[in-house]
Amino acid sequence: MERLGGDSTEGQSPTLFRSDRHTYIVQGWSTDSPDTIEIPHRLIRYLQPGTCLGSLLHDTGHGTFLLAGEPVTDTEALEQIRLPGHESAVEVAIGVEQRRDAAPSVR
């Protein structure tokens, strides 16, 4: 996995990784659902150019998003991430950014 960036402040460390399976691994704060985490808005600035998270983000209204994905259970990945007890990680597809203001592609 490649660490793309994170938000390390006082034991809270939401982080974005790119996996060798060409997906994003997103580390964030645990929620009541094992397949959903909470991440700060500013974490998405670490996405690779032209890409997006291949999952819907739900804005909480207080500077964070809820993100659903496949819970990370791979032992090797979890050893690299080193999750604190109050955090979880999910894996999501890498989406392709499609801007409404972009010129239509010519084929």
C-alpha atoms as a PDB file:
ATOM      1  CA  MET A   1       0.000   0.000   0.000  1.00  0.00           C
ATOM      2  CA  GLU A   2       1.064   3.532  -0.693  1.00  0.00           C
ATOM      3  CA  ARG A   3       0.303   6.212   1.889  1.00  0.00           C
ATOM      4  CA  LEU A   4      -1.125   9.223   0.038  1.00  0.00           C
ATOM      5  CA  GLY A   5      -1.702  11.524   3.002  1.00  0.00           C
ATOM      6  CA  GLY A   6      -3.435  11.960   6.285  1.00  0.00           C
ATOM      7  CA  ASP A   7      -4.619  14.044   9.155  1.00  0.00           C
ATOM      8  CA  SER A   8      -2.385  13.275  12.120  1.00  0.00           C
ATOM      9  CA  THR A   9      -3.366  15.324  15.151  1.00  0.00           C
ATOM     10  CA  GLU A  10      -3.372  14.181  18.785  1.00  0.00           C
ATOM     11  CA  GLY A  11      -3.924  10.456  18.194  1.00  0.00           C
ATOM     12  CA  GLN A  12      -6.546  10.967  15.496  1.00  0.00           C
ATOM     13  CA  SER A  13      -5.177   9.854  12.182  1.00  0.00           C
ATOM     14  CA  PRO A  14      -7.605   9.512   9.269  1.00  0.00           C
ATOM     15  CA  THR A  15      -5.379   8.514   6.357  1.00  0.00           C
ATOM     16  CA  LEU A  16      -5.747   7.718   2.663  1.00  0.00           C
ATOM     17  CA  PHE A  17      -3.857   4.848   1.016  1.00  0.00           C
ATOM     18  CA  ARG A  18      -3.770   3.361  -2.481  1.00  0.00           C
ATOM     19  CA  SER A  19      -3.707  -0.429  -2.470  1.00  0.00           C
ATOM     20  CA  ASP A  20      -1.853  -2.734  -4.819  1.00  0.00           C
ATOM     21  CA  ARG A  21      -5.330  -3.829  -6.006  1.00  0.00           C
ATOM     22  CA  HIS A  22      -5.935  -0.323  -7.425  1.00  0.00           C
ATOM     23  CA  THR A  23      -8.434   0.677  -4.767  1.00  0.00           C
ATOM     24  CA  TYR A  24      -8.382   3.294  -2.050  1.00  0.00           C
ATOM     25  CA  ILE A  25      -8.038   2.200   1.564  1.00  0.00           C
ATOM     26  CA  VAL A  26      -9.484   4.888   3.813  1.00  0.00           C
ATOM     27  CA  GLN A  27      -8.791   5.007   7.542  1.00  0.00           C
ATOM     28  CA  GLY A  28     -11.257   6.981   9.646  1.00  0.00           C
ATOM     29  CA  TRP A  29     -13.210   7.133  12.862  1.00  0.00           C
ATOM     30  CA  SER A  30     -15.368   4.102  13.628  1.00  0.00           C
ATOM     31  CA  THR A  31     -19.153   4.386  13.528  1.00  0.00           C
ATOM     32  CA  ASP A  32     -21.926   2.040  14.655  1.00  0.00           C
ATOM     33  CA  SER A  33     -21.696   0.231  11.307  1.00  0.00           C
ATOM     34  CA  PRO A  34     -18.573  -1.847  10.492  1.00  0.00           C
ATOM     35  CA  ASP A  35     -18.721  -0.841   6.820  1.00  0.00           C
ATOM     36  CA  THR A  36     -18.971   2.921   7.471  1.00  0.00           C
ATOM     37  CA  ILE A  37     -16.335   5.338   8.748  1.00  0.00           C
ATOM     38  CA  GLU A  38     -16.248   9.079   9.352  1.00  0.00           C
ATOM     39  CA  ILE A  39     -13.521  11.163   7.719  1.00  0.00           C
ATOM     40  CA  PRO A  40     -12.704  14.884   7.729  1.00  0.00           C
ATOM     41  CA  HIS A  41     -13.531  16.824   4.556  1.00  0.00           C
ATOM     42  CA  ARG A  42      -9.869  17.763   4.143  1.00  0.00           C
ATOM     43  CA  LEU A  43      -8.801  14.107   3.712  1.00  0.00           C
ATOM     44  CA  ILE A  44     -10.080  14.043   0.128  1.00  0.00           C
ATOM     45  CA  ARG A  45      -7.391  16.520  -0.923  1.00  0.00           C
ATOM     46  CA  TYR A  46      -5.003  13.534  -0.985  1.00  0.00           C
ATOM     47  CA  LEU A  47      -6.902  11.742  -3.773  1.00  0.00           C
ATOM     48  CA  GLN A  48      -4.806  11.226  -6.884  1.00  0.00           C
ATOM     49  CA  PRO A  49      -5.536  13.820  -9.605  1.00  0.00           C
ATOM     50  CA  GLY A  50      -8.478  12.920 -11.831  1.00  0.00           C
ATOM     51  CA  THR A  51      -9.843  10.352  -9.381  1.00  0.00           C
ATOM     52  CA  CYS A  52     -12.508  10.241  -6.713  1.00  0.00           C
ATOM     53  CA  LEU A  53     -13.733   7.845  -4.060  1.00  0.00           C
ATOM     54  CA  GLY A  54     -15.919   5.244  -5.773  1.00  0.00           C
ATOM     55  CA  SER A  55     -18.571   5.491  -3.066  1.00  0.00           C
ATOM     56  CA  LEU A  56     -21.104   8.096  -2.031  1.00  0.00           C
ATOM     57  CA  LEU A  57     -20.077  10.490   0.706  1.00  0.00           C
ATOM     58  CA  HIS A  58     -22.697  11.657   3.187  1.00  0.00           C
ATOM     59  CA  ASP A  59     -21.934  15.126   4.562  1.00  0.00           C
ATOM     60  CA  THR A  60     -22.545  15.200   8.318  1.00  0.00           C
ATOM     61  CA  GLY A  61     -22.824  18.997   8.357  1.00  0.00           C
ATOM     62  CA  HIS A  62     -19.916  19.425  10.777  1.00  0.00           C
ATOM     63  CA  GLY A  63     -16.811  19.114   8.623  1.00  0.00           C
ATOM     64  CA  THR A  64     -16.871  15.367   8.084  1.00  0.00           C
ATOM     65  CA  PHE A  65     -18.238  12.794   5.653  1.00  0.00           C
ATOM     66  CA  LEU A  66     -19.590   9.314   6.294  1.00  0.00           C
ATOM     67  CA  LEU A  67     -18.048   6.847   3.838  1.00  0.00           C
ATOM     68  CA  ALA A  68     -19.223   3.260   3.294  1.00  0.00           C
ATOM     69  CA  GLY A  69     -16.993   0.549   1.854  1.00  0.00           C
ATOM     70  CA  GLU A  70     -15.749  -2.973   2.360  1.00  0.00           C
ATOM     71  CA  PRO A  71     -14.217  -3.328   5.857  1.00  0.00           C
ATOM     72  CA  VAL A  72     -10.470  -4.011   5.694  1.00  0.00           C
ATOM     73  CA  THR A  73      -9.698  -7.406   7.227  1.00  0.00           C
ATOM     74  CA  ASP A  74      -6.395  -8.256   5.507  1.00  0.00           C
ATOM     75  CA  THR A  75      -3.825  -8.826   8.261  1.00  0.00           C
ATOM     76  CA  GLU A  76      -0.912  -7.399   6.271  1.00  0.00           C
ATOM     77  CA  ALA A  77      -2.833  -4.213   5.424  1.00  0.00           C
ATOM     78  CA  LEU A  78      -3.976  -3.781   9.028  1.00  0.00           C
ATOM     79  CA  GLU A  79      -0.392  -4.164  10.281  1.00  0.00           C
ATOM     80  CA  GLN A  80       0.701  -1.368   7.958  1.00  0.00           C
ATOM     81  CA  ILE A  81      -2.212   0.896   8.914  1.00  0.00           C
ATOM     82  CA  ARG A  82      -1.889   0.275  12.698  1.00  0.00           C
ATOM     83  CA  LEU A  83      -5.429   1.322  13.590  1.00  0.00           C
ATOM     84  CA  PRO A  84      -6.049   2.891  16.995  1.00  0.00           C
ATOM     85  CA  GLY A  85      -9.026   1.395  18.852  1.00  0.00           C
ATOM     86  CA  HIS A  86     -11.412   4.193  17.860  1.00  0.00           C
ATOM     87  CA  GLU A  87     -10.731   3.871  14.115  1.00  0.00           C
ATOM     88  CA  SER A  88     -11.569   1.504  11.271  1.00  0.00           C
ATOM     89  CA  ALA A  89     -10.625   1.214   7.603  1.00  0.00           C
ATOM     90  CA  VAL A  90     -12.684   0.541   4.498  1.00  0.00           C
ATOM     91  CA  GLU A  91     -11.733  -0.227   0.917  1.00  0.00           C
ATOM     92  CA  VAL A  92     -13.474   1.567  -1.948  1.00  0.00           C
ATOM     93  CA  ALA A  93     -13.081   1.600  -5.704  1.00  0.00           C
ATOM     94  CA  ILE A  94     -11.076   4.359  -7.345  1.00  0.00           C
ATOM     95  CA  GLY A  95     -13.542   6.368  -9.389  1.00  0.00           C
ATOM     96  CA  VAL A  96     -12.823   8.631 -12.344  1.00  0.00           C
ATOM     97  CA  GLU A  97     -13.607  12.293 -11.768  1.00  0.00           C
ATOM     98  CA  GLN A  98     -16.302  13.518 -14.166  1.00  0.00           C
ATOM     99  CA  ARG A  99     -16.875  17.251 -14.033  1.00  0.00           C
ATOM    100  CA  ARG A 100     -20.093  18.724 -15.377  1.00  0.00           C
ATOM    101  CA  ASP A 101     -18.219  21.803 -16.597  1.00  0.00           C
ATOM    102  CA  ALA A 102     -15.679  19.790 -18.597  1.00  0.00           C
ATOM    103  CA  ALA A 103     -15.835  19.745 -22.372  1.00  0.00           C
ATOM    104  CA  PRO A 104     -17.434  16.577 -23.757  1.00  0.00           C
ATOM    105  CA  SER A 105     -14.928  13.984 -24.889  1.00  0.00           C
ATOM    106  CA  VAL A 106     -14.637  13.332 -28.599  1.00  0.00           C
ATOM    107  CA  ARG A 107     -14.420   9.736 -29.695  1.00  0.00           C
END
